[in-house]
Amino acid sequence: MSTSPPLNDKSPSTQQDVDSMASAALVPAASPFFLRPDNVDTLAHSDGFTILRHHLAEHYHYKFCCRHSAADPEALEHWLVIRDILHALLVPVVELFDRACGVAHAVTHATKLEDLEYAFTGQSRSAFVWIQCFLSAEKERDWCYTRGCPACVVQHSLDSDFTIRLLYAACLLSDVHYPFTIEGPTLPSFMFFLESVKTAVEQDVLFGEGFLERMQPKAIVTRDGIEELIHQCLELDVVLSQPSSPDGMTPASSAPPSPVVGPCGGTPGIKIKRSRMARKQMSLQLEEAEWVECMMKQVWETLQPVIDTAMLPTQSLDAVAVLKAEPVVAVNELPPE
């Protein structure tokens, strides 16, 4: 006897239903970041963002992976828009870090990467070290440059609390005007994207609600540190670019050679141009040497045995008193001739 399927049986009845279910299983959900119509309108009227999109469309040839390419065209276009926003936010941070590395190397002449941080102080050093650790992973640098499948790049934004922290800080930095901003089309402020980040994080199964509230103070600290890093790089650039003296030589290099100690073999010495930073370091070394000499002198005087003046003979004391008195000029008159 044949039995009919139960009424609540939702098994596919046609091959089309099977294909539809397979596609739904293979194609992931849309981008976790949503844009309001007014946000889209802001981006559309931004000349800087339009130029960036044309540049990426022309030079970025990264295709969607097989996992995301089955999505509908509208979803693919949304992935691309979010990818371009990430590019506008993250690439300046990486380029700033690379520039800071160059400035730090010029200042410290460090041979190890971990020594570059000593060129900076305070919050800027903390931000430099944090970005250095973050970008030490090649996948994170690729994410900042939005390399690879656009959809995978967007999804990687929620990969860890570090990626969320950097993305949040980059949004805050997009609203800051810097003195070195060049003339011409500029990118818009991406402060509106913070709402998209907040929604995406709260809806994420790993992070959920409450995570962003705990992460925000860290992102603000990162933002402040990056701002300070920018200003310190500008200050160090000024120091490195300034000539050491008006005639291009330091006083030491332009001074005449010593008549006591001359160059070996009679060949003239090479005049070395010292930078302002080098002169400042030399001044600090001289101050340190003077301080050490003063301390050694005090220690030496402390260790000397105290001479009891009562044991000295009176004649010796008188002699000392005579020596300390004003000089006396003796005049012997010549007898008259």
C-alpha atoms as a PDB file:
ATOM      1  CA  MET A   1       0.000   0.000   0.000  1.00  0.00           C
ATOM      2  CA  SER A   2       1.415   3.368  -1.009  1.00  0.00           C
ATOM      3  CA  THR A   3       1.676   6.048   1.576  1.00  0.00           C
ATOM      4  CA  SER A   4       1.463   9.726   0.838  1.00  0.00           C
ATOM      5  CA  PRO A   5       4.086  12.053   2.255  1.00  0.00           C
ATOM      6  CA  PRO A   6       3.114  13.913   5.381  1.00  0.00           C
ATOM      7  CA  LEU A   7       1.762  17.420   5.014  1.00  0.00           C
ATOM      8  CA  ASN A   8       4.704  18.974   6.830  1.00  0.00           C
ATOM      9  CA  ASP A   9       7.265  17.321   4.549  1.00  0.00           C
ATOM     10  CA  LYS A  10       9.356  20.137   3.019  1.00  0.00           C
ATOM     11  CA  SER A  11      11.647  17.962   0.897  1.00  0.00           C
ATOM     12  CA  PRO A  12      12.298  19.360  -2.595  1.00  0.00           C
ATOM     13  CA  SER A  13       9.903  18.045  -5.224  1.00  0.00           C
ATOM     14  CA  THR A  14      11.713  19.242  -8.334  1.00  0.00           C
ATOM     15  CA  GLN A  15      15.301  19.589  -9.535  1.00  0.00           C
ATOM     16  CA  GLN A  16      14.826  23.352  -9.615  1.00  0.00           C
ATOM     17  CA  ASP A  17      14.099  23.350  -5.899  1.00  0.00           C
ATOM     18  CA  VAL A  18      17.240  21.293  -5.316  1.00  0.00           C
ATOM     19  CA  ASP A  19      19.357  23.750  -7.291  1.00  0.00           C
ATOM     20  CA  SER A  20      17.774  26.648  -5.452  1.00  0.00           C
ATOM     21  CA  MET A  21      18.543  25.152  -2.068  1.00  0.00           C
ATOM     22  CA  ALA A  22      22.088  24.343  -3.124  1.00  0.00           C
ATOM     23  CA  SER A  23      22.647  27.910  -4.244  1.00  0.00           C
ATOM     24  CA  ALA A  24      21.210  29.227  -0.995  1.00  0.00           C
ATOM     25  CA  ALA A  25      23.567  26.993   0.957  1.00  0.00           C
ATOM     26  CA  LEU A  26      26.632  27.925  -1.099  1.00  0.00           C
ATOM     27  CA  VAL A  27      26.043  31.647  -1.406  1.00  0.00           C
ATOM     28  CA  PRO A  28      26.687  33.395   1.917  1.00  0.00           C
ATOM     29  CA  ALA A  29      24.561  36.145   3.293  1.00  0.00           C
ATOM     30  CA  ALA A  30      24.969  39.677   2.018  1.00  0.00           C
ATOM     31  CA  SER A  31      27.580  42.078   3.311  1.00  0.00           C
ATOM     32  CA  PRO A  32      27.367  42.583   7.076  1.00  0.00           C
ATOM     33  CA  PHE A  33      27.746  46.316   6.510  1.00  0.00           C
ATOM     34  CA  PHE A  34      24.656  48.228   5.422  1.00  0.00           C
ATOM     35  CA  LEU A  35      24.454  51.712   3.948  1.00  0.00           C
ATOM     36  CA  ARG A  36      21.525  54.056   4.246  1.00  0.00           C
ATOM     37  CA  PRO A  37      20.322  55.892   1.119  1.00  0.00           C
ATOM     38  CA  ASP A  38      21.747  59.181   2.369  1.00  0.00           C
ATOM     39  CA  ASN A  39      25.133  57.502   2.865  1.00  0.00           C
ATOM     40  CA  VAL A  40      25.077  56.222  -0.699  1.00  0.00           C
ATOM     41  CA  ASP A  41      24.154  59.705  -1.891  1.00  0.00           C
ATOM     42  CA  THR A  42      27.077  61.210   0.034  1.00  0.00           C
ATOM     43  CA  LEU A  43      29.498  58.793  -1.589  1.00  0.00           C
ATOM     44  CA  ALA A  44      28.033  59.390  -5.042  1.00  0.00           C
ATOM     45  CA  HIS A  45      28.585  63.155  -4.733  1.00  0.00           C
ATOM     46  CA  SER A  46      32.165  62.814  -3.481  1.00  0.00           C
ATOM     47  CA  ASP A  47      34.686  63.496  -6.253  1.00  0.00           C
ATOM     48  CA  GLY A  48      37.489  61.928  -4.247  1.00  0.00           C
ATOM     49  CA  PHE A  49      35.624  58.682  -3.637  1.00  0.00           C
ATOM     50  CA  THR A  50      34.511  58.540  -7.286  1.00  0.00           C
ATOM     51  CA  ILE A  51      38.121  58.887  -8.430  1.00  0.00           C
ATOM     52  CA  LEU A  52      39.158  56.150  -5.994  1.00  0.00           C
ATOM     53  CA  ARG A  53      36.455  53.794  -7.293  1.00  0.00           C
ATOM     54  CA  HIS A  54      37.534  54.353 -10.898  1.00  0.00           C
ATOM     55  CA  HIS A  55      41.146  53.730  -9.924  1.00  0.00           C
ATOM     56  CA  LEU A  56      40.347  50.458  -8.156  1.00  0.00           C
ATOM     57  CA  ALA A  57      38.112  49.294 -11.004  1.00  0.00           C
ATOM     58  CA  GLU A  58      40.939  49.924 -13.462  1.00  0.00           C
ATOM     59  CA  HIS A  59      43.913  48.574 -11.510  1.00  0.00           C
ATOM     60  CA  TYR A  60      42.415  46.068  -9.078  1.00  0.00           C
ATOM     61  CA  HIS A  61      41.732  42.869 -10.978  1.00  0.00           C
ATOM     62  CA  TYR A  62      40.714  40.732  -8.016  1.00  0.00           C
ATOM     63  CA  LYS A  63      37.726  38.560  -8.897  1.00  0.00           C
ATOM     64  CA  PHE A  64      35.091  37.156  -6.600  1.00  0.00           C
ATOM     65  CA  CYS A  65      35.915  33.687  -5.366  1.00  0.00           C
ATOM     66  CA  CYS A  66      33.756  30.724  -6.311  1.00  0.00           C
ATOM     67  CA  ARG A  67      32.020  30.965  -2.950  1.00  0.00           C
ATOM     68  CA  HIS A  68      30.773  34.507  -3.576  1.00  0.00           C
ATOM     69  CA  SER A  69      30.568  34.773  -7.356  1.00  0.00           C
ATOM     70  CA  ALA A  70      27.134  33.062  -7.393  1.00  0.00           C
ATOM     71  CA  ALA A  71      25.513  36.022  -5.635  1.00  0.00           C
ATOM     72  CA  ASP A  72      23.189  38.314  -7.568  1.00  0.00           C
ATOM     73  CA  PRO A  73      24.681  41.389  -9.305  1.00  0.00           C
ATOM     74  CA  GLU A  74      23.189  43.793  -6.787  1.00  0.00           C
ATOM     75  CA  ALA A  75      24.863  41.980  -3.905  1.00  0.00           C
ATOM     76  CA  LEU A  76      28.176  41.882  -5.790  1.00  0.00           C
ATOM     77  CA  GLU A  77      28.024  45.630  -6.369  1.00  0.00           C
ATOM     78  CA  HIS A  78      27.352  46.174  -2.673  1.00  0.00           C
ATOM     79  CA  TRP A  79      30.407  44.082  -1.809  1.00  0.00           C
ATOM     80  CA  LEU A  80      32.492  46.293  -4.116  1.00  0.00           C
ATOM     81  CA  VAL A  81      31.234  49.520  -2.565  1.00  0.00           C
ATOM     82  CA  ILE A  82      32.082  48.314   0.948  1.00  0.00           C
ATOM     83  CA  ARG A  83      35.479  47.078  -0.286  1.00  0.00           C
ATOM     84  CA  ASP A  84      36.222  50.526  -1.692  1.00  0.00           C
ATOM     85  CA  ILE A  85      35.214  52.157   1.604  1.00  0.00           C
ATOM     86  CA  LEU A  86      37.607  49.856   3.470  1.00  0.00           C
ATOM     87  CA  HIS A  87      40.344  50.753   0.999  1.00  0.00           C
ATOM     88  CA  ALA A  88      39.781  54.465   1.595  1.00  0.00           C
ATOM     89  CA  LEU A  89      39.918  53.943   5.366  1.00  0.00           C
ATOM     90  CA  LEU A  90      42.764  51.470   5.840  1.00  0.00           C
ATOM     91  CA  VAL A  91      45.349  52.220   3.154  1.00  0.00           C
ATOM     92  CA  PRO A  92      46.221  55.663   4.606  1.00  0.00           C
ATOM     93  CA  VAL A  93      46.977  54.020   7.959  1.00  0.00           C
ATOM     94  CA  VAL A  94      49.407  51.554   6.366  1.00  0.00           C
ATOM     95  CA  GLU A  95      51.087  54.271   4.321  1.00  0.00           C
ATOM     96  CA  LEU A  96      51.430  56.389   7.443  1.00  0.00           C
ATOM     97  CA  PHE A  97      53.084  53.486   9.256  1.00  0.00           C
ATOM     98  CA  ASP A  98      55.503  52.877   6.375  1.00  0.00           C
ATOM     99  CA  ARG A  99      56.360  56.570   6.364  1.00  0.00           C
ATOM    100  CA  ALA A 100      56.895  56.489  10.128  1.00  0.00           C
ATOM    101  CA  CYS A 101      59.268  53.541   9.694  1.00  0.00           C
ATOM    102  CA  GLY A 102      61.330  55.548   7.209  1.00  0.00           C
ATOM    103  CA  VAL A 103      61.507  58.553   9.522  1.00  0.00           C
ATOM    104  CA  ALA A 104      62.376  56.353  12.504  1.00  0.00           C
ATOM    105  CA  HIS A 105      65.193  54.671  10.586  1.00  0.00           C
ATOM    106  CA  ALA A 106      66.606  58.041   9.520  1.00  0.00           C
ATOM    107  CA  VAL A 107      66.607  59.212  13.133  1.00  0.00           C
ATOM    108  CA  THR A 108      67.789  56.099  14.974  1.00  0.00           C
ATOM    109  CA  HIS A 109      69.747  54.260  12.241  1.00  0.00           C
ATOM    110  CA  ALA A 110      68.308  51.120  13.809  1.00  0.00           C
ATOM    111  CA  THR A 111      69.283  47.786  12.308  1.00  0.00           C
ATOM    112  CA  LYS A 112      66.422  45.915  13.983  1.00  0.00           C
ATOM    113  CA  LEU A 113      62.738  46.548  13.411  1.00  0.00           C
ATOM    114  CA  GLU A 114      62.000  46.416  17.114  1.00  0.00           C
ATOM    115  CA  ASP A 115      64.328  49.382  17.694  1.00  0.00           C
ATOM    116  CA  LEU A 116      62.440  51.763  15.400  1.00  0.00           C
ATOM    117  CA  GLU A 117      59.940  52.604  18.130  1.00  0.00           C
ATOM    118  CA  TYR A 118      62.588  54.582  20.061  1.00  0.00           C
ATOM    119  CA  ALA A 119      62.221  57.444  17.590  1.00  0.00           C
ATOM    120  CA  PHE A 120      58.816  58.232  19.094  1.00  0.00           C
ATOM    121  CA  THR A 121      57.486  58.928  22.555  1.00  0.00           C
ATOM    122  CA  GLY A 122      54.261  58.641  24.513  1.00  0.00           C
ATOM    123  CA  GLN A 123      51.072  57.649  22.746  1.00  0.00           C
ATOM    124  CA  SER A 124      52.700  57.753  19.329  1.00  0.00           C
ATOM    125  CA  ARG A 125      55.149  55.023  20.328  1.00  0.00           C
ATOM    126  CA  SER A 126      52.301  52.857  21.625  1.00  0.00           C
ATOM    127  CA  ALA A 127      50.356  53.327  18.383  1.00  0.00           C
ATOM    128  CA  PHE A 128      53.469  52.601  16.324  1.00  0.00           C
ATOM    129  CA  VAL A 129      54.149  49.355  18.180  1.00  0.00           C
ATOM    130  CA  TRP A 130      50.503  48.272  17.976  1.00  0.00           C
ATOM    131  CA  ILE A 131      50.304  48.824  14.209  1.00  0.00           C
ATOM    132  CA  GLN A 132      53.708  47.187  13.771  1.00  0.00           C
ATOM    133  CA  CYS A 133      52.513  44.046  15.537  1.00  0.00           C
ATOM    134  CA  PHE A 134      49.234  44.057  13.617  1.00  0.00           C
ATOM    135  CA  LEU A 135      50.859  44.418  10.192  1.00  0.00           C
ATOM    136  CA  SER A 136      53.494  41.784  10.934  1.00  0.00           C
ATOM    137  CA  ALA A 137      50.935  39.232   9.691  1.00  0.00           C
ATOM    138  CA  GLU A 138      50.832  39.258   5.898  1.00  0.00           C
ATOM    139  CA  LYS A 139      47.107  38.551   5.816  1.00  0.00           C
ATOM    140  CA  GLU A 140      46.412  41.703   7.822  1.00  0.00           C
ATOM    141  CA  ARG A 141      48.475  43.841   5.456  1.00  0.00           C
ATOM    142  CA  ASP A 142      46.632  42.273   2.516  1.00  0.00           C
ATOM    143  CA  TRP A 143      43.343  43.098   4.217  1.00  0.00           C
ATOM    144  CA  CYS A 144      44.377  46.724   4.698  1.00  0.00           C
ATOM    145  CA  TYR A 145      45.217  46.931   0.996  1.00  0.00           C
ATOM    146  CA  THR A 146      41.938  45.079   0.186  1.00  0.00           C
ATOM    147  CA  ARG A 147      43.724  42.424  -1.840  1.00  0.00           C
ATOM    148  CA  GLY A 148      41.792  39.365  -2.913  1.00  0.00           C
ATOM    149  CA  CYS A 149      38.125  38.563  -3.303  1.00  0.00           C
ATOM    150  CA  PRO A 150      36.180  41.749  -2.423  1.00  0.00           C
ATOM    151  CA  ALA A 151      33.598  39.814  -0.410  1.00  0.00           C
ATOM    152  CA  CYS A 152      36.281  37.933   1.534  1.00  0.00           C
ATOM    153  CA  VAL A 153      38.018  41.232   2.272  1.00  0.00           C
ATOM    154  CA  VAL A 154      34.794  42.680   3.680  1.00  0.00           C
ATOM    155  CA  GLN A 155      34.082  39.611   5.778  1.00  0.00           C
ATOM    156  CA  HIS A 156      37.622  39.681   7.198  1.00  0.00           C
ATOM    157  CA  SER A 157      36.750  43.001   8.835  1.00  0.00           C
ATOM    158  CA  LEU A 158      34.976  41.017  11.568  1.00  0.00           C
ATOM    159  CA  ASP A 159      37.743  38.435  11.845  1.00  0.00           C
ATOM    160  CA  SER A 160      39.063  39.623  15.221  1.00  0.00           C
ATOM    161  CA  ASP A 161      38.806  42.420  17.732  1.00  0.00           C
ATOM    162  CA  PHE A 162      42.040  43.843  16.277  1.00  0.00           C
ATOM    163  CA  THR A 163      40.536  44.321  12.814  1.00  0.00           C
ATOM    164  CA  ILE A 164      37.427  45.899  14.326  1.00  0.00           C
ATOM    165  CA  ARG A 165      39.563  48.171  16.486  1.00  0.00           C
ATOM    166  CA  LEU A 166      41.642  49.394  13.538  1.00  0.00           C
ATOM    167  CA  LEU A 167      38.562  49.876  11.354  1.00  0.00           C
ATOM    168  CA  TYR A 168      36.815  51.857  14.081  1.00  0.00           C
ATOM    169  CA  ALA A 169      39.890  54.028  14.662  1.00  0.00           C
ATOM    170  CA  ALA A 170      40.238  54.619  10.912  1.00  0.00           C
ATOM    171  CA  CYS A 171      36.648  55.879  10.771  1.00  0.00           C
ATOM    172  CA  LEU A 172      37.427  58.341  13.561  1.00  0.00           C
ATOM    173  CA  LEU A 173      40.567  59.495  11.753  1.00  0.00           C
ATOM    174  CA  SER A 174      38.628  60.172   8.557  1.00  0.00           C
ATOM    175  CA  ASP A 175      37.000  63.162  10.252  1.00  0.00           C
ATOM    176  CA  VAL A 176      40.315  64.840  11.120  1.00  0.00           C
ATOM    177  CA  HIS A 177      41.887  67.513   8.928  1.00  0.00           C
ATOM    178  CA  TYR A 178      45.657  67.347   8.806  1.00  0.00           C
ATOM    179  CA  PRO A 179      48.001  70.196   7.888  1.00  0.00           C
ATOM    180  CA  PHE A 180      49.637  68.210   5.095  1.00  0.00           C
ATOM    181  CA  THR A 181      46.381  67.588   3.194  1.00  0.00           C
ATOM    182  CA  ILE A 182      47.022  68.269  -0.490  1.00  0.00           C
ATOM    183  CA  GLU A 183      44.818  70.439  -2.623  1.00  0.00           C
ATOM    184  CA  GLY A 184      42.279  68.810  -4.885  1.00  0.00           C
ATOM    185  CA  PRO A 185      39.502  66.235  -4.489  1.00  0.00           C
ATOM    186  CA  THR A 186      39.416  64.718  -1.030  1.00  0.00           C
ATOM    187  CA  LEU A 187      37.636  61.748   0.456  1.00  0.00           C
ATOM    188  CA  PRO A 188      34.533  62.373   2.547  1.00  0.00           C
ATOM    189  CA  SER A 189      34.259  61.770   6.248  1.00  0.00           C
ATOM    190  CA  PHE A 190      33.378  58.150   6.950  1.00  0.00           C
ATOM    191  CA  MET A 191      31.937  58.791  10.388  1.00  0.00           C
ATOM    192  CA  PHE A 192      28.626  57.511   9.054  1.00  0.00           C
ATOM    193  CA  PHE A 193      30.250  54.098   8.614  1.00  0.00           C
ATOM    194  CA  LEU A 194      30.559  53.748  12.391  1.00  0.00           C
ATOM    195  CA  GLU A 195      26.857  52.947  12.530  1.00  0.00           C
ATOM    196  CA  SER A 196      27.363  50.174   9.978  1.00  0.00           C
ATOM    197  CA  VAL A 197      30.261  48.782  11.995  1.00  0.00           C
ATOM    198  CA  LYS A 198      28.197  48.898  15.186  1.00  0.00           C
ATOM    199  CA  THR A 199      25.282  47.043  13.569  1.00  0.00           C
ATOM    200  CA  ALA A 200      27.555  44.433  12.004  1.00  0.00           C
ATOM    201  CA  VAL A 201      29.354  43.736  15.286  1.00  0.00           C
ATOM    202  CA  GLU A 202      26.151  43.488  17.309  1.00  0.00           C
ATOM    203  CA  GLN A 203      24.638  41.050  14.805  1.00  0.00           C
ATOM    204  CA  ASP A 204      27.770  38.925  14.650  1.00  0.00           C
ATOM    205  CA  VAL A 205      27.401  35.596  16.445  1.00  0.00           C
ATOM    206  CA  LEU A 206      30.949  35.759  17.823  1.00  0.00           C
ATOM    207  CA  PHE A 207      30.972  39.285  19.256  1.00  0.00           C
ATOM    208  CA  GLY A 208      27.351  40.274  19.796  1.00  0.00           C
ATOM    209  CA  GLU A 209      26.052  43.157  21.864  1.00  0.00           C
ATOM    210  CA  GLY A 210      28.299  44.701  24.455  1.00  0.00           C
ATOM    211  CA  PHE A 211      31.551  44.047  22.616  1.00  0.00           C
ATOM    212  CA  LEU A 212      31.694  47.403  20.878  1.00  0.00           C
ATOM    213  CA  GLU A 213      31.184  49.226  24.163  1.00  0.00           C
ATOM    214  CA  ARG A 214      34.260  47.505  25.578  1.00  0.00           C
ATOM    215  CA  MET A 215      36.294  48.031  22.422  1.00  0.00           C
ATOM    216  CA  GLN A 216      35.529  51.734  21.821  1.00  0.00           C
ATOM    217  CA  PRO A 217      37.965  53.115  24.444  1.00  0.00           C
ATOM    218  CA  LYS A 218      40.794  51.089  22.886  1.00  0.00           C
ATOM    219  CA  ALA A 219      39.917  52.372  19.417  1.00  0.00           C
ATOM    220  CA  ILE A 220      39.915  55.957  20.688  1.00  0.00           C
ATOM    221  CA  VAL A 221      43.347  55.428  22.247  1.00  0.00           C
ATOM    222  CA  THR A 222      44.574  54.069  18.913  1.00  0.00           C
ATOM    223  CA  ARG A 223      43.113  57.082  17.110  1.00  0.00           C
ATOM    224  CA  ASP A 224      44.825  59.504  19.505  1.00  0.00           C
ATOM    225  CA  GLY A 225      48.113  57.640  19.186  1.00  0.00           C
ATOM    226  CA  ILE A 226      48.009  57.724  15.389  1.00  0.00           C
ATOM    227  CA  GLU A 227      47.298  61.467  15.459  1.00  0.00           C
ATOM    228  CA  GLU A 228      50.279  62.013  17.747  1.00  0.00           C
ATOM    229  CA  LEU A 229      52.384  59.776  15.505  1.00  0.00           C
ATOM    230  CA  ILE A 230      51.532  61.986  12.531  1.00  0.00           C
ATOM    231  CA  HIS A 231      52.584  65.143  14.377  1.00  0.00           C
ATOM    232  CA  GLN A 232      55.838  63.607  15.625  1.00  0.00           C
ATOM    233  CA  CYS A 233      56.681  62.425  12.101  1.00  0.00           C
ATOM    234  CA  LEU A 234      56.152  65.979  10.844  1.00  0.00           C
ATOM    235  CA  GLU A 235      58.392  67.372  13.576  1.00  0.00           C
ATOM    236  CA  LEU A 236      61.135  64.834  12.877  1.00  0.00           C
ATOM    237  CA  ASP A 237      60.881  65.559   9.158  1.00  0.00           C
ATOM    238  CA  VAL A 238      61.540  69.229   9.884  1.00  0.00           C
ATOM    239  CA  VAL A 239      64.545  68.368  12.041  1.00  0.00           C
ATOM    240  CA  LEU A 240      66.000  66.022   9.434  1.00  0.00           C
ATOM    241  CA  SER A 241      65.459  68.423   6.548  1.00  0.00           C
ATOM    242  CA  GLN A 242      67.014  71.490   8.199  1.00  0.00           C
ATOM    243  CA  PRO A 243      70.672  72.231   7.350  1.00  0.00           C
ATOM    244  CA  SER A 244      73.080  71.969  10.236  1.00  0.00           C
ATOM    245  CA  SER A 245      74.374  75.541   9.763  1.00  0.00           C
ATOM    246  CA  PRO A 246      73.995  78.396   7.238  1.00  0.00           C
ATOM    247  CA  ASP A 247      77.187  77.459   5.398  1.00  0.00           C
ATOM    248  CA  GLY A 248      76.316  73.773   5.403  1.00  0.00           C
ATOM    249  CA  MET A 249      79.029  72.867   7.922  1.00  0.00           C
ATOM    250  CA  THR A 250      79.077  72.499  11.648  1.00  0.00           C
ATOM    251  CA  PRO A 251      81.395  74.679  13.730  1.00  0.00           C
ATOM    252  CA  ALA A 252      83.524  71.622  14.439  1.00  0.00           C
ATOM    253  CA  SER A 253      83.993  70.824  10.763  1.00  0.00           C
ATOM    254  CA  SER A 254      84.783  74.442   9.815  1.00  0.00           C
ATOM    255  CA  ALA A 255      87.296  74.995  12.628  1.00  0.00           C
ATOM    256  CA  PRO A 256      91.015  75.081  11.733  1.00  0.00           C
ATOM    257  CA  PRO A 257      92.963  71.866  12.308  1.00  0.00           C
ATOM    258  CA  SER A 258      94.724  71.442  15.630  1.00  0.00           C
ATOM    259  CA  PRO A 259      98.446  72.283  15.478  1.00  0.00           C
ATOM    260  CA  VAL A 260      99.205  69.596  18.039  1.00  0.00           C
ATOM    261  CA  VAL A 261      97.409  66.587  16.598  1.00  0.00           C
ATOM    262  CA  GLY A 262      97.189  66.613  12.849  1.00  0.00           C
ATOM    263  CA  PRO A 263      95.816  64.106  10.339  1.00  0.00           C
ATOM    264  CA  CYS A 264      97.751  60.894   9.979  1.00  0.00           C
ATOM    265  CA  GLY A 265     100.092  60.974   7.006  1.00  0.00           C
ATOM    266  CA  GLY A 266      99.465  64.661   6.398  1.00  0.00           C
ATOM    267  CA  THR A 267      96.284  64.049   4.395  1.00  0.00           C
ATOM    268  CA  PRO A 268      93.437  66.465   5.096  1.00  0.00           C
ATOM    269  CA  GLY A 269      90.501  65.092   7.050  1.00  0.00           C
ATOM    270  CA  ILE A 270      87.004  64.664   5.602  1.00  0.00           C
ATOM    271  CA  LYS A 271      84.514  67.225   6.794  1.00  0.00           C
ATOM    272  CA  ILE A 272      81.402  65.491   8.049  1.00  0.00           C
ATOM    273  CA  LYS A 273      78.118  67.357   8.029  1.00  0.00           C
ATOM    274  CA  ARG A 274      76.206  66.681  11.193  1.00  0.00           C
ATOM    275  CA  SER A 275      72.464  66.975  11.323  1.00  0.00           C
ATOM    276  CA  ARG A 276      70.640  68.963  13.972  1.00  0.00           C
ATOM    277  CA  MET A 277      69.578  65.724  15.623  1.00  0.00           C
ATOM    278  CA  ALA A 278      73.202  64.552  15.783  1.00  0.00           C
ATOM    279  CA  ARG A 279      74.310  67.845  17.338  1.00  0.00           C
ATOM    280  CA  LYS A 280      71.551  67.577  19.917  1.00  0.00           C
ATOM    281  CA  GLN A 281      72.644  64.037  20.790  1.00  0.00           C
ATOM    282  CA  MET A 282      76.270  65.209  21.051  1.00  0.00           C
ATOM    283  CA  SER A 283      75.211  68.025  23.386  1.00  0.00           C
ATOM    284  CA  LEU A 284      73.395  65.532  25.595  1.00  0.00           C
ATOM    285  CA  GLN A 285      76.493  63.316  25.657  1.00  0.00           C
ATOM    286  CA  LEU A 286      78.659  66.271  26.717  1.00  0.00           C
ATOM    287  CA  GLU A 287      76.208  67.187  29.469  1.00  0.00           C
ATOM    288  CA  GLU A 288      76.253  63.598  30.657  1.00  0.00           C
ATOM    289  CA  ALA A 289      80.065  63.546  30.675  1.00  0.00           C
ATOM    290  CA  GLU A 290      80.183  66.782  32.693  1.00  0.00           C
ATOM    291  CA  TRP A 291      77.676  65.387  35.167  1.00  0.00           C
ATOM    292  CA  VAL A 292      79.704  62.180  35.582  1.00  0.00           C
ATOM    293  CA  GLU A 293      82.895  64.202  36.082  1.00  0.00           C
ATOM    294  CA  CYS A 294      81.208  66.357  38.725  1.00  0.00           C
ATOM    295  CA  MET A 295      79.906  63.304  40.554  1.00  0.00           C
ATOM    296  CA  MET A 296      83.332  61.637  40.475  1.00  0.00           C
ATOM    297  CA  LYS A 297      84.894  64.799  41.880  1.00  0.00           C
ATOM    298  CA  GLN A 298      82.411  64.892  44.745  1.00  0.00           C
ATOM    299  CA  VAL A 299      83.019  61.224  45.511  1.00  0.00           C
ATOM    300  CA  TRP A 300      86.783  61.766  45.451  1.00  0.00           C
ATOM    301  CA  GLU A 301      86.555  64.706  47.851  1.00  0.00           C
ATOM    302  CA  THR A 302      84.351  62.668  50.159  1.00  0.00           C
ATOM    303  CA  LEU A 303      86.811  59.768  50.283  1.00  0.00           C
ATOM    304  CA  GLN A 304      89.876  61.959  51.011  1.00  0.00           C
ATOM    305  CA  PRO A 305      91.103  61.735  54.675  1.00  0.00           C
ATOM    306  CA  VAL A 306      90.313  64.789  56.778  1.00  0.00           C
ATOM    307  CA  ILE A 307      93.515  66.442  58.045  1.00  0.00           C
ATOM    308  CA  ASP A 308      93.401  67.521  61.677  1.00  0.00           C
ATOM    309  CA  THR A 309      94.551  71.112  61.778  1.00  0.00           C
ATOM    310  CA  ALA A 310      95.454  70.796  65.482  1.00  0.00           C
ATOM    311  CA  MET A 311      98.319  68.456  64.601  1.00  0.00           C
ATOM    312  CA  LEU A 312      99.932  70.958  62.256  1.00  0.00           C
ATOM    313  CA  PRO A 313     102.749  73.105  63.703  1.00  0.00           C
ATOM    314  CA  THR A 314     102.085  76.781  64.212  1.00  0.00           C
ATOM    315  CA  GLN A 315     104.885  77.764  61.863  1.00  0.00           C
ATOM    316  CA  SER A 316     103.270  75.817  59.052  1.00  0.00           C
ATOM    317  CA  LEU A 317      99.978  77.572  59.659  1.00  0.00           C
ATOM    318  CA  ASP A 318     101.726  80.900  59.564  1.00  0.00           C
ATOM    319  CA  ALA A 319     103.384  79.952  56.332  1.00  0.00           C
ATOM    320  CA  VAL A 320     100.027  79.074  54.854  1.00  0.00           C
ATOM    321  CA  ALA A 321      98.649  82.395  56.044  1.00  0.00           C
ATOM    322  CA  VAL A 322     101.558  84.172  54.414  1.00  0.00           C
ATOM    323  CA  LEU A 323     100.985  82.386  51.171  1.00  0.00           C
ATOM    324  CA  LYS A 324      97.320  83.366  51.214  1.00  0.00           C
ATOM    325  CA  ALA A 325      98.077  87.015  52.026  1.00  0.00           C
ATOM    326  CA  GLU A 326      98.412  89.670  49.408  1.00  0.00           C
ATOM    327  CA  PRO A 327     101.711  89.577  47.548  1.00  0.00           C
ATOM    328  CA  VAL A 328     104.411  91.847  48.969  1.00  0.00           C
ATOM    329  CA  VAL A 329     106.879  93.621  46.682  1.00  0.00           C
ATOM    330  CA  ALA A 330     110.328  94.102  48.200  1.00  0.00           C
ATOM    331  CA  VAL A 331     112.283  97.162  47.015  1.00  0.00           C
ATOM    332  CA  ASN A 332     116.006  97.450  47.756  1.00  0.00           C
ATOM    333  CA  GLU A 333     117.329 100.981  47.435  1.00  0.00           C
ATOM    334  CA  LEU A 334     120.654 101.401  45.719  1.00  0.00           C
ATOM    335  CA  PRO A 335     123.311 103.328  47.639  1.00  0.00           C
ATOM    336  CA  PRO A 336     124.045 106.765  46.228  1.00  0.00           C
ATOM    337  CA  GLU A 337     127.097 106.899  43.991  1.00  0.00           C
END
